[in-house]
Amino acid sequence: MATARPAGGIVRFAQEAWSELRKVTWPTQDQVIRLTVLVMLISVVVSIYIFLFDNVFHLLVDKLILGIPDVTPAPPIQ
């Protein structure tokens, strides 16, 4: 058996959604810019932290634990 749909359907849904959107307190342009810059700065700081931690971890594992020597450059082709 099929269940009964509530009265109004898609039109009622759209009206209620629009009504709820009018209640939202939207941020000002200044707030959007400041928060966007903050997110970008935090992203850069976190990426630098991960980059440094990864390189230190790589050096510890390769050099101290596995004993892999530094890579020497290939001789020039003549």
PDB file of N, CA and C in Angstrom:
ATOM      1  N   MET A   1       0.830  -1.181   0.000  1.00  0.00           N
ATOM      2  CA  MET A   1       0.000   0.000   0.000  1.00  0.00           C
ATOM      3  C   MET A   1       0.879   1.250   0.000  1.00  0.00           C
ATOM      4  N   ALA A   2       0.461   2.215  -0.736  1.00  0.00           N
ATOM      5  CA  ALA A   2       1.193   3.476  -0.802  1.00  0.00           C
ATOM      6  C   ALA A   2       0.774   4.375   0.357  1.00  0.00           C
ATOM      7  N   THR A   3       1.736   5.101   0.880  1.00  0.00           N
ATOM      8  CA  THR A   3       1.414   6.023   1.972  1.00  0.00           C
ATOM      9  C   THR A   3       0.916   7.336   1.381  1.00  0.00           C
ATOM     10  N   ALA A   4       0.070   8.010   2.106  1.00  0.00           N
ATOM     11  CA  ALA A   4      -0.487   9.283   1.643  1.00  0.00           C
ATOM     12  C   ALA A   4       0.555  10.383   1.774  1.00  0.00           C
ATOM     13  N   ARG A   5       0.609  11.222   0.740  1.00  0.00           N
ATOM     14  CA  ARG A   5       1.532  12.358   0.768  1.00  0.00           C
ATOM     15  C   ARG A   5       0.889  13.528   1.499  1.00  0.00           C
ATOM     16  N   PRO A   6       1.719  14.335   2.172  1.00  0.00           N
ATOM     17  CA  PRO A   6       1.143  15.501   2.835  1.00  0.00           C
ATOM     18  C   PRO A   6       0.606  16.492   1.801  1.00  0.00           C
ATOM     19  N   ALA A   7      -0.394  17.253   2.187  1.00  0.00           N
ATOM     20  CA  ALA A   7      -1.017  18.216   1.277  1.00  0.00           C
ATOM     21  C   ALA A   7      -0.037  19.326   0.929  1.00  0.00           C
ATOM     22  N   GLY A   8      -0.069  19.770  -0.298  1.00  0.00           N
ATOM     23  CA  GLY A   8       0.751  20.906  -0.709  1.00  0.00           C
ATOM     24  C   GLY A   8       1.880  20.521  -1.632  1.00  0.00           C
ATOM     25  N   GLY A   9       2.548  19.427  -1.369  1.00  0.00           N
ATOM     26  CA  GLY A   9       3.615  18.938  -2.231  1.00  0.00           C
ATOM     27  C   GLY A   9       4.778  19.900  -2.367  1.00  0.00           C
ATOM     28  N   ILE A  10       5.274  19.978  -3.606  1.00  0.00           N
ATOM     29  CA  ILE A  10       6.494  20.735  -3.890  1.00  0.00           C
ATOM     30  C   ILE A  10       6.294  22.236  -3.700  1.00  0.00           C
ATOM     31  N   VAL A  11       5.101  22.741  -4.002  1.00  0.00           N
ATOM     32  CA  VAL A  11       4.833  24.174  -3.852  1.00  0.00           C
ATOM     33  C   VAL A  11       4.916  24.567  -2.380  1.00  0.00           C
ATOM     34  N   ARG A  12       4.318  23.776  -1.528  1.00  0.00           N
ATOM     35  CA  ARG A  12       4.364  24.058  -0.092  1.00  0.00           C
ATOM     36  C   ARG A  12       5.800  23.990   0.427  1.00  0.00           C
ATOM     37  N   PHE A  13       6.535  22.991  -0.041  1.00  0.00           N
ATOM     38  CA  PHE A  13       7.940  22.864   0.371  1.00  0.00           C
ATOM     39  C   PHE A  13       8.724  24.111  -0.019  1.00  0.00           C
ATOM     40  N   ALA A  14       8.554  24.591  -1.269  1.00  0.00           N
ATOM     41  CA  ALA A  14       9.282  25.774  -1.732  1.00  0.00           C
ATOM     42  C   ALA A  14       8.901  27.004  -0.916  1.00  0.00           C
ATOM     43  N   GLN A  15       7.619  27.154  -0.596  1.00  0.00           N
ATOM     44  CA  GLN A  15       7.181  28.299   0.197  1.00  0.00           C
ATOM     45  C   GLN A  15       7.777  28.251   1.605  1.00  0.00           C
ATOM     46  N   GLU A  16       7.787  27.087   2.212  1.00  0.00           N
ATOM     47  CA  GLU A  16       8.346  26.969   3.561  1.00  0.00           C
ATOM     48  C   GLU A  16       9.861  27.165   3.556  1.00  0.00           C
ATOM     49  N   ALA A  17      10.524  26.656   2.528  1.00  0.00           N
ATOM     50  CA  ALA A  17      11.974  26.848   2.415  1.00  0.00           C
ATOM     51  C   ALA A  17      12.297  28.329   2.268  1.00  0.00           C
ATOM     52  N   TRP A  18      11.541  29.046   1.426  1.00  0.00           N
ATOM     53  CA  TRP A  18      11.770  30.479   1.239  1.00  0.00           C
ATOM     54  C   TRP A  18      11.503  31.233   2.535  1.00  0.00           C
ATOM     55  N   SER A  19      10.482  30.823   3.260  1.00  0.00           N
ATOM     56  CA  SER A  19      10.159  31.450   4.539  1.00  0.00           C
ATOM     57  C   SER A  19      11.311  31.273   5.527  1.00  0.00           C
ATOM     58  N   GLU A  20      11.901  30.100   5.573  1.00  0.00           N
ATOM     59  CA  GLU A  20      13.035  29.846   6.473  1.00  0.00           C
ATOM     60  C   GLU A  20      14.273  30.628   6.041  1.00  0.00           C
ATOM     61  N   LEU A  21      14.492  30.758   4.736  1.00  0.00           N
ATOM     62  CA  LEU A  21      15.652  31.517   4.254  1.00  0.00           C
ATOM     63  C   LEU A  21      15.554  32.997   4.625  1.00  0.00           C
ATOM     64  N   ARG A  22      14.339  33.528   4.723  1.00  0.00           N
ATOM     65  CA  ARG A  22      14.174  34.928   5.116  1.00  0.00           C
ATOM     66  C   ARG A  22      14.529  35.145   6.588  1.00  0.00           C
ATOM     67  N   LYS A  23      14.525  34.074   7.384  1.00  0.00           N
ATOM     68  CA  LYS A  23      14.867  34.175   8.804  1.00  0.00           C
ATOM     69  C   LYS A  23      16.372  34.117   9.053  1.00  0.00           C
ATOM     70  N   VAL A  24      17.132  33.760   8.047  1.00  0.00           N
ATOM     71  CA  VAL A  24      18.583  33.597   8.200  1.00  0.00           C
ATOM     72  C   VAL A  24      19.243  34.958   8.359  1.00  0.00           C
ATOM     73  N   THR A  25      20.199  35.039   9.278  1.00  0.00           N
ATOM     74  CA  THR A  25      21.010  36.244   9.417  1.00  0.00           C
ATOM     75  C   THR A  25      22.265  36.058   8.565  1.00  0.00           C
ATOM     76  N   TRP A  26      22.305  36.737   7.445  1.00  0.00           N
ATOM     77  CA  TRP A  26      23.409  36.573   6.510  1.00  0.00           C
ATOM     78  C   TRP A  26      24.594  37.426   6.951  1.00  0.00           C
ATOM     79  N   PRO A  27      25.824  36.946   6.740  1.00  0.00           N
ATOM     80  CA  PRO A  27      27.003  37.738   7.134  1.00  0.00           C
ATOM     81  C   PRO A  27      27.184  38.935   6.200  1.00  0.00           C
ATOM     82  N   THR A  28      27.831  39.968   6.739  1.00  0.00           N
ATOM     83  CA  THR A  28      28.133  41.140   5.908  1.00  0.00           C
ATOM     84  C   THR A  28      29.308  40.813   4.997  1.00  0.00           C
ATOM     85  N   GLN A  29      29.517  41.664   4.005  1.00  0.00           N
ATOM     86  CA  GLN A  29      30.630  41.449   3.083  1.00  0.00           C
ATOM     87  C   GLN A  29      31.963  41.497   3.828  1.00  0.00           C
ATOM     88  N   ASP A  30      32.077  42.393   4.801  1.00  0.00           N
ATOM     89  CA  ASP A  30      33.301  42.499   5.599  1.00  0.00           C
ATOM     90  C   ASP A  30      33.561  41.208   6.378  1.00  0.00           C
ATOM     91  N   GLN A  31      32.516  40.635   6.963  1.00  0.00           N
ATOM     92  CA  GLN A  31      32.667  39.372   7.695  1.00  0.00           C
ATOM     93  C   GLN A  31      33.100  38.244   6.768  1.00  0.00           C
ATOM     94  N   VAL A  32      32.501  38.193   5.592  1.00  0.00           N
ATOM     95  CA  VAL A  32      32.846  37.139   4.619  1.00  0.00           C
ATOM     96  C   VAL A  32      34.312  37.261   4.215  1.00  0.00           C
ATOM     97  N   ILE A  33      34.761  38.472   3.960  1.00  0.00           N
ATOM     98  CA  ILE A  33      36.159  38.679   3.541  1.00  0.00           C
ATOM     99  C   ILE A  33      37.112  38.295   4.677  1.00  0.00           C
ATOM    100  N   ARG A  34      36.823  38.775   5.902  1.00  0.00           N
ATOM    101  CA  ARG A  34      37.702  38.464   7.037  1.00  0.00           C
ATOM    102  C   ARG A  34      37.762  36.963   7.315  1.00  0.00           C
ATOM    103  N   LEU A  35      36.628  36.297   7.290  1.00  0.00           N
ATOM    104  CA  LEU A  35      36.614  34.866   7.568  1.00  0.00           C
ATOM    105  C   LEU A  35      37.269  34.063   6.445  1.00  0.00           C
ATOM    106  N   THR A  36      37.125  34.522   5.199  1.00  0.00           N
ATOM    107  CA  THR A  36      37.789  33.851   4.080  1.00  0.00           C
ATOM    108  C   THR A  36      39.301  33.955   4.210  1.00  0.00           C
ATOM    109  N   VAL A  37      39.788  35.151   4.556  1.00  0.00           N
ATOM    110  CA  VAL A  37      41.230  35.338   4.747  1.00  0.00           C
ATOM    111  C   VAL A  37      41.716  34.479   5.914  1.00  0.00           C
ATOM    112  N   LEU A  38      40.942  34.401   6.979  1.00  0.00           N
ATOM    113  CA  LEU A  38      41.313  33.582   8.132  1.00  0.00           C
ATOM    114  C   LEU A  38      41.419  32.106   7.752  1.00  0.00           C
ATOM    115  N   VAL A  39      40.456  31.612   6.997  1.00  0.00           N
ATOM    116  CA  VAL A  39      40.497  30.215   6.556  1.00  0.00           C
ATOM    117  C   VAL A  39      41.714  29.967   5.668  1.00  0.00           C
ATOM    118  N   MET A  40      42.035  30.899   4.789  1.00  0.00           N
ATOM    119  CA  MET A  40      43.203  30.733   3.914  1.00  0.00           C
ATOM    120  C   MET A  40      44.496  30.724   4.731  1.00  0.00           C
ATOM    121  N   LEU A  41      44.606  31.625   5.700  1.00  0.00           N
ATOM    122  CA  LEU A  41      45.810  31.665   6.536  1.00  0.00           C
ATOM    123  C   LEU A  41      45.968  30.387   7.351  1.00  0.00           C
ATOM    124  N   ILE A  42      44.893  29.913   7.934  1.00  0.00           N
ATOM    125  CA  ILE A  42      44.961  28.671   8.700  1.00  0.00           C
ATOM    126  C   ILE A  42      45.339  27.511   7.790  1.00  0.00           C
ATOM    127  N   SER A  43      44.817  27.488   6.576  1.00  0.00           N
ATOM    128  CA  SER A  43      45.164  26.430   5.617  1.00  0.00           C
ATOM    129  C   SER A  43      46.653  26.454   5.282  1.00  0.00           C
ATOM    130  N   VAL A  44      47.207  27.646   5.099  1.00  0.00           N
ATOM    131  CA  VAL A  44      48.641  27.767   4.797  1.00  0.00           C
ATOM    132  C   VAL A  44      49.467  27.295   5.991  1.00  0.00           C
ATOM    133  N   VAL A  45      49.101  27.707   7.196  1.00  0.00           N
ATOM    134  CA  VAL A  45      49.837  27.303   8.400  1.00  0.00           C
ATOM    135  C   VAL A  45      49.785  25.785   8.576  1.00  0.00           C
ATOM    136  N   VAL A  46      48.634  25.185   8.397  1.00  0.00           N
ATOM    137  CA  VAL A  46      48.502  23.735   8.545  1.00  0.00           C
ATOM    138  C   VAL A  46      49.297  23.015   7.463  1.00  0.00           C
ATOM    139  N   SER A  47      49.272  23.514   6.232  1.00  0.00           N
ATOM    140  CA  SER A  47      50.039  22.866   5.161  1.00  0.00           C
ATOM    141  C   SER A  47      51.540  22.960   5.420  1.00  0.00           C
ATOM    142  N   ILE A  48      52.017  24.086   5.942  1.00  0.00           N
ATOM    143  CA  ILE A  48      53.443  24.212   6.285  1.00  0.00           C
ATOM    144  C   ILE A  48      53.798  23.241   7.405  1.00  0.00           C
ATOM    145  N   TYR A  49      52.946  23.134   8.409  1.00  0.00           N
ATOM    146  CA  TYR A  49      53.174  22.205   9.512  1.00  0.00           C
ATOM    147  C   TYR A  49      53.268  20.761   9.001  1.00  0.00           C
ATOM    148  N   ILE A  50      52.328  20.375   8.156  1.00  0.00           N
ATOM    149  CA  ILE A  50      52.342  19.009   7.608  1.00  0.00           C
ATOM    150  C   ILE A  50      53.580  18.788   6.753  1.00  0.00           C
ATOM    151  N   PHE A  51      53.964  19.776   5.934  1.00  0.00           N
ATOM    152  CA  PHE A  51      55.158  19.662   5.091  1.00  0.00           C
ATOM    153  C   PHE A  51      56.403  19.458   5.956  1.00  0.00           C
ATOM    154  N   LEU A  52      56.557  20.275   6.996  1.00  0.00           N
ATOM    155  CA  LEU A  52      57.736  20.154   7.854  1.00  0.00           C
ATOM    156  C   LEU A  52      57.741  18.825   8.618  1.00  0.00           C
ATOM    157  N   PHE A  53      56.605  18.447   9.184  1.00  0.00           N
ATOM    158  CA  PHE A  53      56.521  17.185   9.906  1.00  0.00           C
ATOM    159  C   PHE A  53      56.827  16.011   8.987  1.00  0.00           C
ATOM    160  N   ASP A  54      56.321  16.042   7.759  1.00  0.00           N
ATOM    161  CA  ASP A  54      56.567  14.968   6.796  1.00  0.00           C
ATOM    162  C   ASP A  54      58.051  14.871   6.456  1.00  0.00           C
ATOM    163  N   ASN A  55      58.705  16.008   6.251  1.00  0.00           N
ATOM    164  CA  ASN A  55      60.140  15.983   5.921  1.00  0.00           C
ATOM    165  C   ASN A  55      60.982  15.492   7.093  1.00  0.00           C
ATOM    166  N   VAL A  56      60.654  15.926   8.299  1.00  0.00           N
ATOM    167  CA  VAL A  56      61.395  15.460   9.472  1.00  0.00           C
ATOM    168  C   VAL A  56      61.189  13.955   9.658  1.00  0.00           C
ATOM    169  N   PHE A  57      59.958  13.499   9.537  1.00  0.00           N
ATOM    170  CA  PHE A  57      59.658  12.080   9.663  1.00  0.00           C
ATOM    171  C   PHE A  57      60.390  11.280   8.581  1.00  0.00           C
ATOM    172  N   HIS A  58      60.417  11.801   7.372  1.00  0.00           N
ATOM    173  CA  HIS A  58      61.120  11.150   6.260  1.00  0.00           C
ATOM    174  C   HIS A  58      62.619  11.023   6.579  1.00  0.00           C
ATOM    175  N   LEU A  59      63.216  12.095   7.066  1.00  0.00           N
ATOM    176  CA  LEU A  59      64.631  12.050   7.412  1.00  0.00           C
ATOM    177  C   LEU A  59      64.898  11.052   8.541  1.00  0.00           C
ATOM    178  N   LEU A  60      64.067  11.065   9.567  1.00  0.00           N
ATOM    179  CA  LEU A  60      64.255  10.137  10.685  1.00  0.00           C
ATOM    180  C   LEU A  60      64.179   8.680  10.227  1.00  0.00           C
ATOM    181  N   VAL A  61      63.191   8.365   9.436  1.00  0.00           N
ATOM    182  CA  VAL A  61      63.015   6.982   8.996  1.00  0.00           C
ATOM    183  C   VAL A  61      64.124   6.574   8.036  1.00  0.00           C
ATOM    184  N   ASP A  62      64.377   7.390   7.010  1.00  0.00           N
ATOM    185  CA  ASP A  62      65.366   7.014   5.990  1.00  0.00           C
ATOM    186  C   ASP A  62      66.793   6.998   6.534  1.00  0.00           C
ATOM    187  N   LYS A  63      67.170   8.020   7.258  1.00  0.00           N
ATOM    188  CA  LYS A  63      68.560   8.147   7.684  1.00  0.00           C
ATOM    189  C   LYS A  63      68.855   7.347   8.961  1.00  0.00           C
ATOM    190  N   LEU A  64      68.038   7.524   9.981  1.00  0.00           N
ATOM    191  CA  LEU A  64      68.355   6.926  11.269  1.00  0.00           C
ATOM    192  C   LEU A  64      67.882   5.474  11.388  1.00  0.00           C
ATOM    193  N   ILE A  65      66.717   5.179  10.887  1.00  0.00           N
ATOM    194  CA  ILE A  65      66.174   3.835  11.070  1.00  0.00           C
ATOM    195  C   ILE A  65      66.610   2.897   9.953  1.00  0.00           C
ATOM    196  N   LEU A  66      66.450   3.333   8.699  1.00  0.00           N
ATOM    197  CA  LEU A  66      66.786   2.464   7.565  1.00  0.00           C
ATOM    198  C   LEU A  66      68.230   2.619   7.094  1.00  0.00           C
ATOM    199  N   GLY A  67      68.872   3.716   7.439  1.00  0.00           N
ATOM    200  CA  GLY A  67      70.263   3.930   7.049  1.00  0.00           C
ATOM    201  C   GLY A  67      70.454   4.185   5.569  1.00  0.00           C
ATOM    202  N   ILE A  68      69.476   4.756   4.898  1.00  0.00           N
ATOM    203  CA  ILE A  68      69.588   5.060   3.469  1.00  0.00           C
ATOM    204  C   ILE A  68      70.441   6.311   3.309  1.00  0.00           C
ATOM    205  N   PRO A  69      71.526   6.225   2.488  1.00  0.00           N
ATOM    206  CA  PRO A  69      72.391   7.412   2.306  1.00  0.00           C
ATOM    207  C   PRO A  69      71.710   8.456   1.408  1.00  0.00           C
ATOM    208  N   ASP A  70      72.289   9.663   1.421  1.00  0.00           N
ATOM    209  CA  ASP A  70      71.785  10.718   0.531  1.00  0.00           C
ATOM    210  C   ASP A  70      71.972  10.290  -0.911  1.00  0.00           C
ATOM    211  N   VAL A  71      71.116  10.763  -1.759  1.00  0.00           N
ATOM    212  CA  VAL A  71      71.217  10.455  -3.182  1.00  0.00           C
ATOM    213  C   VAL A  71      72.300  11.340  -3.784  1.00  0.00           C
ATOM    214  N   THR A  72      73.212  10.711  -4.528  1.00  0.00           N
ATOM    215  CA  THR A  72      74.278  11.468  -5.178  1.00  0.00           C
ATOM    216  C   THR A  72      73.833  11.815  -6.597  1.00  0.00           C
ATOM    217  N   PRO A  73      74.228  12.993  -7.087  1.00  0.00           N
ATOM    218  CA  PRO A  73      73.804  13.370  -8.443  1.00  0.00           C
ATOM    219  C   PRO A  73      74.499  12.479  -9.479  1.00  0.00           C
ATOM    220  N   ALA A  74      73.804  12.295 -10.580  1.00  0.00           N
ATOM    221  CA  ALA A  74      74.373  11.492 -11.690  1.00  0.00           C
ATOM    222  C   ALA A  74      75.520  12.267 -12.317  1.00  0.00           C
ATOM    223  N   PRO A  75      76.537  11.546 -12.821  1.00  0.00           N
ATOM    224  CA  PRO A  75      77.641  12.242 -13.487  1.00  0.00           C
ATOM    225  C   PRO A  75      77.156  12.914 -14.775  1.00  0.00           C
ATOM    226  N   PRO A  76      77.781  14.015 -15.142  1.00  0.00           N
ATOM    227  CA  PRO A  76      77.356  14.719 -16.357  1.00  0.00           C
ATOM    228  C   PRO A  76      77.607  13.862 -17.604  1.00  0.00           C
ATOM    229  N   ILE A  77      76.721  13.993 -18.566  1.00  0.00           N
ATOM    230  CA  ILE A  77      76.860  13.260 -19.835  1.00  0.00           C
ATOM    231  C   ILE A  77      77.785  14.049 -20.751  1.00  0.00           C
ATOM    232  N   GLN A  78      78.773  13.311 -21.329  1.00  0.00           N
ATOM    233  CA  GLN A  78      79.744  13.991 -22.215  1.00  0.00           C
ATOM    234  C   GLN A  78      79.609  13.513 -23.626  1.00  0.00           C
TER     235      GLN A  78
END
